Amino acid sequence: MSDEPEEDLELTSALVPFFVITNGRSLPPEHAYGHTTLVSASEHAATTVRTLTPEARQVLDLVMDGFLSVAEVAAHTHLPLGVVRILLAEMEDANLIIARKPVPRAERVDREVLNAVLDGLRARFGA
C-alpha cells in the first residue's frame, strides 16, 4: 500500500464542492442566462440574506447595487459559469434577483443622415 492518493479520488473530489453548492441542480436552459444577461437584486432580497448559502450571498452582495452580467458575476465569485447560472436560476425562482437581456446595440444609422447633420452643424457653427 502506498501513501500516494489514488488518481480517481483526486479527480472526483474536486467536483464535490460544486455539486454541494448547486444542491444537485442541473443547468438551466442556455438562453435563460447568457454571458451578457444582466442580473440585479430584487427589492426584498436584503430581507432573506441570512437564509442563503455563502455562495448565493456573495452573488447577491455583488448585484445588490446595480446590474452585472452573468460573466462578471462568475469572474468576481471565482465560480464556474455553469455553477453561477444554477445559483442565479435558484435565486430567480425565489424572487431574489431580476434577470434581463442586455440592452441591444443601436441599429446602424444611415450615413447620409449623419453627413446631413454634420453639414448642418458646420453651417450653423462654422468649422
N, C-alpha and C. Protein backbone atom coordinates (compact mmCIF):
# COMPACT_ATOMS: atom_id res chain seq x y z
N MET A 1 0.84 -1.17 0.00
CA MET A 1 0.00 0.00 0.00
C MET A 1 0.89 1.23 0.00
N SER A 2 0.64 2.17 -0.90
CA SER A 2 1.46 3.38 -0.97
C SER A 2 0.74 4.54 -0.29
N ASP A 3 1.52 5.55 0.06
CA ASP A 3 0.96 6.73 0.73
C ASP A 3 0.37 7.74 -0.25
N GLU A 4 0.59 7.53 -1.53
CA GLU A 4 0.09 8.46 -2.52
C GLU A 4 -1.42 8.25 -2.72
N PRO A 5 -2.20 9.36 -2.84
CA PRO A 5 -3.64 9.20 -3.06
C PRO A 5 -3.92 8.64 -4.44
N GLU A 6 -5.00 7.91 -4.55
CA GLU A 6 -5.38 7.36 -5.84
C GLU A 6 -5.79 8.48 -6.79
N GLU A 7 -5.45 8.29 -8.05
CA GLU A 7 -5.73 9.31 -9.04
C GLU A 7 -7.23 9.56 -9.20
N ASP A 8 -8.07 8.52 -9.14
CA ASP A 8 -9.52 8.66 -9.29
C ASP A 8 -10.11 9.52 -8.18
N LEU A 9 -9.62 9.36 -6.99
CA LEU A 9 -10.14 10.14 -5.87
C LEU A 9 -9.85 11.62 -6.03
N GLU A 10 -8.68 11.95 -6.55
CA GLU A 10 -8.33 13.35 -6.76
C GLU A 10 -9.24 14.00 -7.79
N LEU A 11 -9.56 13.27 -8.86
CA LEU A 11 -10.39 13.85 -9.91
C LEU A 11 -11.82 14.09 -9.44
N THR A 12 -12.37 13.18 -8.67
CA THR A 12 -13.75 13.34 -8.26
C THR A 12 -13.90 14.27 -7.06
N SER A 13 -12.91 14.33 -6.21
CA SER A 13 -13.05 15.15 -5.01
C SER A 13 -13.13 16.63 -5.34
N ALA A 14 -12.54 17.05 -6.43
CA ALA A 14 -12.60 18.46 -6.82
C ALA A 14 -14.01 18.85 -7.29
N LEU A 15 -14.82 17.88 -7.71
CA LEU A 15 -16.16 18.17 -8.21
C LEU A 15 -17.21 18.21 -7.10
N VAL A 16 -16.93 17.63 -5.99
CA VAL A 16 -17.92 17.55 -4.92
C VAL A 16 -18.38 18.92 -4.43
N PRO A 17 -17.49 19.89 -4.19
CA PRO A 17 -17.98 21.18 -3.70
C PRO A 17 -18.97 21.86 -4.64
N PHE A 18 -18.76 21.78 -5.95
CA PHE A 18 -19.69 22.40 -6.88
C PHE A 18 -21.04 21.71 -6.85
N PHE A 19 -21.04 20.40 -6.67
CA PHE A 19 -22.29 19.67 -6.56
C PHE A 19 -23.04 20.11 -5.30
N VAL A 20 -22.31 20.32 -4.23
CA VAL A 20 -22.92 20.76 -2.97
C VAL A 20 -23.42 22.19 -3.10
N ILE A 21 -22.65 23.06 -3.74
CA ILE A 21 -23.03 24.45 -3.91
C ILE A 21 -24.34 24.57 -4.69
N THR A 22 -24.51 23.73 -5.69
CA THR A 22 -25.70 23.82 -6.55
C THR A 22 -26.86 22.97 -6.06
N ASN A 23 -26.70 22.31 -4.92
CA ASN A 23 -27.74 21.43 -4.38
C ASN A 23 -28.16 20.36 -5.37
N GLY A 24 -27.25 19.95 -6.24
CA GLY A 24 -27.53 18.90 -7.19
C GLY A 24 -28.38 19.31 -8.37
N ARG A 25 -28.68 20.60 -8.50
CA ARG A 25 -29.49 21.06 -9.63
C ARG A 25 -28.69 21.04 -10.91
N SER A 26 -29.40 20.90 -12.01
CA SER A 26 -28.73 20.91 -13.31
C SER A 26 -28.78 22.32 -13.89
N LEU A 27 -28.06 22.49 -14.97
CA LEU A 27 -28.00 23.80 -15.61
C LEU A 27 -29.36 24.21 -16.17
N PRO A 28 -29.72 25.48 -16.04
CA PRO A 28 -30.94 25.96 -16.68
C PRO A 28 -30.71 26.05 -18.19
N PRO A 29 -31.78 26.25 -18.96
CA PRO A 29 -31.59 26.39 -20.41
C PRO A 29 -30.59 27.51 -20.72
N GLU A 30 -29.78 27.27 -21.72
CA GLU A 30 -28.70 28.19 -22.10
C GLU A 30 -29.23 29.60 -22.37
N HIS A 31 -30.41 29.70 -22.98
CA HIS A 31 -30.93 31.01 -23.35
C HIS A 31 -31.36 31.83 -22.13
N ALA A 32 -31.58 31.20 -21.01
CA ALA A 32 -32.05 31.93 -19.83
C ALA A 32 -30.97 32.82 -19.24
N TYR A 33 -29.75 32.35 -19.23
CA TYR A 33 -28.66 33.12 -18.64
C TYR A 33 -27.44 33.06 -19.55
N GLY A 34 -27.44 33.92 -20.55
CA GLY A 34 -26.28 34.02 -21.42
C GLY A 34 -25.17 34.78 -20.71
N HIS A 35 -24.02 34.85 -21.33
CA HIS A 35 -22.89 35.55 -20.73
C HIS A 35 -23.21 37.02 -20.45
N THR A 36 -24.01 37.62 -21.31
CA THR A 36 -24.28 39.05 -21.18
C THR A 36 -25.62 39.37 -20.54
N THR A 37 -26.32 38.35 -20.04
CA THR A 37 -27.56 38.60 -19.32
C THR A 37 -27.25 39.43 -18.08
N LEU A 38 -28.02 40.47 -17.85
CA LEU A 38 -27.79 41.36 -16.72
C LEU A 38 -28.62 40.93 -15.53
N VAL A 39 -28.01 40.97 -14.35
CA VAL A 39 -28.64 40.48 -13.13
C VAL A 39 -28.55 41.56 -12.06
N SER A 40 -29.66 41.76 -11.33
CA SER A 40 -29.69 42.70 -10.20
C SER A 40 -30.55 42.10 -9.10
N ALA A 41 -30.35 42.57 -7.88
CA ALA A 41 -31.14 42.09 -6.75
C ALA A 41 -32.54 42.69 -6.79
N SER A 42 -33.51 41.94 -6.37
CA SER A 42 -34.88 42.46 -6.28
C SER A 42 -35.00 43.33 -5.03
N GLU A 43 -36.11 44.02 -4.90
CA GLU A 43 -36.29 44.97 -3.80
C GLU A 43 -36.27 44.31 -2.43
N HIS A 44 -36.85 43.13 -2.31
CA HIS A 44 -36.95 42.49 -0.99
C HIS A 44 -35.86 41.44 -0.75
N ALA A 45 -34.82 41.43 -1.57
CA ALA A 45 -33.76 40.42 -1.45
C ALA A 45 -32.97 40.58 -0.16
N ALA A 46 -32.80 41.79 0.32
CA ALA A 46 -31.99 42.03 1.51
C ALA A 46 -32.58 41.37 2.76
N THR A 47 -33.88 41.15 2.77
CA THR A 47 -34.51 40.58 3.96
C THR A 47 -34.25 39.08 4.11
N THR A 48 -33.85 38.40 3.04
CA THR A 48 -33.65 36.96 3.11
C THR A 48 -32.18 36.55 3.01
N VAL A 49 -31.28 37.48 3.20
CA VAL A 49 -29.85 37.19 3.05
C VAL A 49 -29.39 36.12 4.03
N ARG A 50 -29.91 36.10 5.21
CA ARG A 50 -29.46 35.15 6.23
C ARG A 50 -29.73 33.70 5.87
N THR A 51 -30.74 33.46 5.05
CA THR A 51 -31.11 32.08 4.73
C THR A 51 -30.35 31.52 3.54
N LEU A 52 -29.51 32.32 2.90
CA LEU A 52 -28.81 31.89 1.70
C LEU A 52 -27.50 31.18 2.02
N THR A 53 -27.04 30.38 1.07
CA THR A 53 -25.73 29.77 1.19
C THR A 53 -24.67 30.86 1.05
N PRO A 54 -23.45 30.63 1.50
CA PRO A 54 -22.41 31.66 1.36
C PRO A 54 -22.18 32.09 -0.09
N GLU A 55 -22.25 31.15 -1.02
CA GLU A 55 -22.04 31.49 -2.43
C GLU A 55 -23.18 32.34 -2.97
N ALA A 56 -24.41 31.98 -2.65
CA ALA A 56 -25.56 32.77 -3.09
C ALA A 56 -25.54 34.16 -2.45
N ARG A 57 -25.12 34.23 -1.21
CA ARG A 57 -25.00 35.52 -0.51
C ARG A 57 -23.95 36.40 -1.20
N GLN A 58 -22.85 35.79 -1.62
CA GLN A 58 -21.80 36.53 -2.32
C GLN A 58 -22.33 37.08 -3.65
N VAL A 59 -23.09 36.27 -4.37
CA VAL A 59 -23.68 36.72 -5.64
C VAL A 59 -24.65 37.87 -5.37
N LEU A 60 -25.47 37.73 -4.36
CA LEU A 60 -26.45 38.76 -4.05
C LEU A 60 -25.77 40.07 -3.63
N ASP A 61 -24.69 39.97 -2.87
CA ASP A 61 -23.94 41.17 -2.50
C ASP A 61 -23.39 41.90 -3.72
N LEU A 62 -22.95 41.14 -4.71
CA LEU A 62 -22.40 41.74 -5.92
C LEU A 62 -23.45 42.51 -6.72
N VAL A 63 -24.66 41.98 -6.78
CA VAL A 63 -25.69 42.58 -7.63
C VAL A 63 -26.66 43.46 -6.85
N MET A 64 -26.38 43.71 -5.60
CA MET A 64 -27.30 44.49 -4.75
C MET A 64 -27.42 45.94 -5.22
N ASP A 65 -26.34 46.53 -5.72
CA ASP A 65 -26.35 47.96 -6.04
C ASP A 65 -26.60 48.26 -7.51
N GLY A 66 -26.77 47.25 -8.33
CA GLY A 66 -27.00 47.51 -9.75
C GLY A 66 -26.85 46.24 -10.55
N PHE A 67 -26.83 46.40 -11.86
CA PHE A 67 -26.77 45.27 -12.76
C PHE A 67 -25.33 44.85 -13.05
N LEU A 68 -25.11 43.56 -13.07
CA LEU A 68 -23.85 42.95 -13.52
C LEU A 68 -24.20 41.85 -14.50
N SER A 69 -23.31 41.60 -15.44
CA SER A 69 -23.55 40.48 -16.36
C SER A 69 -23.23 39.17 -15.65
N VAL A 70 -23.77 38.09 -16.19
CA VAL A 70 -23.52 36.77 -15.62
C VAL A 70 -22.03 36.47 -15.65
N ALA A 71 -21.34 36.84 -16.72
CA ALA A 71 -19.90 36.61 -16.82
C ALA A 71 -19.14 37.39 -15.75
N GLU A 72 -19.57 38.61 -15.45
CA GLU A 72 -18.92 39.41 -14.40
C GLU A 72 -19.14 38.78 -13.03
N VAL A 73 -20.33 38.28 -12.78
CA VAL A 73 -20.61 37.62 -11.51
C VAL A 73 -19.71 36.40 -11.35
N ALA A 74 -19.57 35.62 -12.41
CA ALA A 74 -18.70 34.44 -12.36
C ALA A 74 -17.25 34.84 -12.10
N ALA A 75 -16.82 35.91 -12.73
CA ALA A 75 -15.43 36.35 -12.55
C ALA A 75 -15.19 36.84 -11.12
N HIS A 76 -16.11 37.60 -10.58
CA HIS A 76 -15.95 38.14 -9.22
C HIS A 76 -16.02 37.05 -8.15
N THR A 77 -16.84 36.04 -8.37
CA THR A 77 -17.00 34.99 -7.37
C THR A 77 -15.99 33.86 -7.53
N HIS A 78 -15.28 33.82 -8.66
CA HIS A 78 -14.32 32.76 -8.96
C HIS A 78 -15.01 31.39 -9.03
N LEU A 79 -16.27 31.40 -9.44
CA LEU A 79 -17.02 30.15 -9.63
C LEU A 79 -17.19 29.90 -11.11
N PRO A 80 -17.28 28.64 -11.53
CA PRO A 80 -17.53 28.35 -12.94
C PRO A 80 -18.87 28.95 -13.40
N LEU A 81 -18.91 29.30 -14.67
CA LEU A 81 -20.11 29.92 -15.23
C LEU A 81 -21.35 29.05 -15.04
N GLY A 82 -21.21 27.74 -15.20
CA GLY A 82 -22.35 26.84 -15.01
C GLY A 82 -22.89 26.87 -13.59
N VAL A 83 -22.00 26.94 -12.61
CA VAL A 83 -22.42 27.00 -11.21
C VAL A 83 -23.15 28.32 -10.95
N VAL A 84 -22.63 29.40 -11.50
CA VAL A 84 -23.28 30.71 -11.31
C VAL A 84 -24.66 30.70 -11.95
N ARG A 85 -24.79 30.10 -13.12
CA ARG A 85 -26.11 30.02 -13.77
C ARG A 85 -27.10 29.25 -12.90
N ILE A 86 -26.65 28.17 -12.29
CA ILE A 86 -27.53 27.38 -11.43
C ILE A 86 -27.94 28.19 -10.20
N LEU A 87 -26.98 28.88 -9.59
CA LEU A 87 -27.30 29.73 -8.43
C LEU A 87 -28.28 30.83 -8.81
N LEU A 88 -28.07 31.45 -9.96
CA LEU A 88 -28.97 32.51 -10.41
C LEU A 88 -30.38 31.98 -10.67
N ALA A 89 -30.48 30.80 -11.25
CA ALA A 89 -31.80 30.21 -11.50
C ALA A 89 -32.52 29.94 -10.19
N GLU A 90 -31.79 29.43 -9.22
CA GLU A 90 -32.37 29.16 -7.90
C GLU A 90 -32.82 30.46 -7.23
N MET A 91 -31.99 31.49 -7.36
CA MET A 91 -32.32 32.78 -6.74
C MET A 91 -33.47 33.47 -7.47
N GLU A 92 -33.56 33.30 -8.78
CA GLU A 92 -34.67 33.88 -9.52
C GLU A 92 -35.98 33.17 -9.17
N ASP A 93 -35.92 31.86 -8.97
CA ASP A 93 -37.11 31.12 -8.54
C ASP A 93 -37.62 31.62 -7.19
N ALA A 94 -36.71 32.07 -6.34
CA ALA A 94 -37.07 32.59 -5.02
C ALA A 94 -37.35 34.09 -5.05
N ASN A 95 -37.40 34.68 -6.24
CA ASN A 95 -37.66 36.12 -6.43
C ASN A 95 -36.64 37.00 -5.71
N LEU A 96 -35.38 36.57 -5.70
CA LEU A 96 -34.32 37.35 -5.07
C LEU A 96 -33.57 38.21 -6.06
N ILE A 97 -33.61 37.82 -7.32
CA ILE A 97 -32.91 38.59 -8.35
C ILE A 97 -33.83 38.85 -9.53
N ILE A 98 -33.42 39.82 -10.33
CA ILE A 98 -34.10 40.14 -11.58
C ILE A 98 -33.07 39.95 -12.68
N ALA A 99 -33.40 39.19 -13.70
CA ALA A 99 -32.51 38.97 -14.83
C ALA A 99 -33.16 39.55 -16.07
N ARG A 100 -32.37 40.24 -16.87
CA ARG A 100 -32.90 40.77 -18.12
C ARG A 100 -31.83 40.71 -19.19
N LYS A 101 -32.30 40.64 -20.41
CA LYS A 101 -31.37 40.61 -21.52
C LYS A 101 -30.66 41.96 -21.59
N PRO A 102 -29.44 41.98 -22.10
CA PRO A 102 -28.73 43.27 -22.20
C PRO A 102 -29.40 44.19 -23.19
N VAL A 103 -29.12 45.46 -23.06
CA VAL A 103 -29.67 46.46 -23.98
C VAL A 103 -29.08 46.17 -25.35
N PRO A 104 -29.94 46.03 -26.37
CA PRO A 104 -29.42 45.69 -27.70
C PRO A 104 -28.61 46.85 -28.29
N ARG A 105 -27.70 46.49 -29.15
CA ARG A 105 -26.91 47.51 -29.82
C ARG A 105 -27.82 48.38 -30.68
N ALA A 106 -27.45 49.63 -30.77
CA ALA A 106 -28.23 50.55 -31.60
C ALA A 106 -28.09 50.13 -33.06
N GLU A 107 -29.16 50.31 -33.78
CA GLU A 107 -29.10 49.99 -35.20
C GLU A 107 -28.20 51.01 -35.90
N ARG A 108 -27.60 50.57 -36.96
CA ARG A 108 -26.74 51.48 -37.71
C ARG A 108 -27.57 52.60 -38.31
N VAL A 109 -27.07 53.80 -38.14
CA VAL A 109 -27.75 54.97 -38.66
C VAL A 109 -27.29 55.18 -40.10
N ASP A 110 -28.20 55.67 -40.89
CA ASP A 110 -27.89 55.95 -42.29
C ASP A 110 -26.78 57.00 -42.38
N ARG A 111 -25.74 56.68 -43.12
CA ARG A 111 -24.58 57.58 -43.25
C ARG A 111 -24.98 58.93 -43.86
N GLU A 112 -25.92 58.93 -44.76
CA GLU A 112 -26.36 60.18 -45.38
C GLU A 112 -26.98 61.11 -44.34
N VAL A 113 -27.73 60.55 -43.40
CA VAL A 113 -28.34 61.37 -42.34
C VAL A 113 -27.25 61.98 -41.47
N LEU A 114 -26.26 61.18 -41.12
CA LEU A 114 -25.16 61.70 -40.31
C LEU A 114 -24.40 62.80 -41.03
N ASN A 115 -24.16 62.63 -42.32
CA ASN A 115 -23.48 63.68 -43.09
C ASN A 115 -24.32 64.95 -43.16
N ALA A 116 -25.64 64.80 -43.30
CA ALA A 116 -26.51 65.98 -43.34
C ALA A 116 -26.48 66.71 -42.00
N VAL A 117 -26.48 65.99 -40.90
CA VAL A 117 -26.39 66.62 -39.58
C VAL A 117 -25.05 67.32 -39.42
N LEU A 118 -23.97 66.69 -39.83
CA LEU A 118 -22.66 67.28 -39.74
C LEU A 118 -22.58 68.55 -40.60
N ASP A 119 -23.12 68.52 -41.81
CA ASP A 119 -23.15 69.70 -42.67
C ASP A 119 -23.94 70.82 -42.02
N GLY A 120 -25.07 70.47 -41.40
CA GLY A 120 -25.87 71.49 -40.72
C GLY A 120 -25.13 72.12 -39.55
N LEU A 121 -24.42 71.33 -38.79
CA LEU A 121 -23.64 71.85 -37.66
C LEU A 121 -22.51 72.75 -38.15
N ARG A 122 -21.86 72.35 -39.21
CA ARG A 122 -20.78 73.19 -39.79
C ARG A 122 -21.34 74.51 -40.29
N ALA A 123 -22.50 74.48 -40.94
CA ALA A 123 -23.10 75.71 -41.44
C ALA A 123 -23.52 76.62 -40.30
N ARG A 124 -24.02 76.04 -39.25
CA ARG A 124 -24.51 76.82 -38.11
C ARG A 124 -23.38 77.41 -37.26
N PHE A 125 -22.38 76.57 -36.96
CA PHE A 125 -21.33 76.99 -36.04
C PHE A 125 -19.98 77.21 -36.73
N GLY A 126 -19.88 76.93 -37.98
CA GLY A 126 -18.63 77.13 -38.73
C GLY A 126 -17.55 76.18 -38.23
N ALA A 127 -16.87 75.57 -39.16
CA ALA A 127 -15.80 74.68 -38.78
C ALA A 127 -14.69 74.68 -39.78
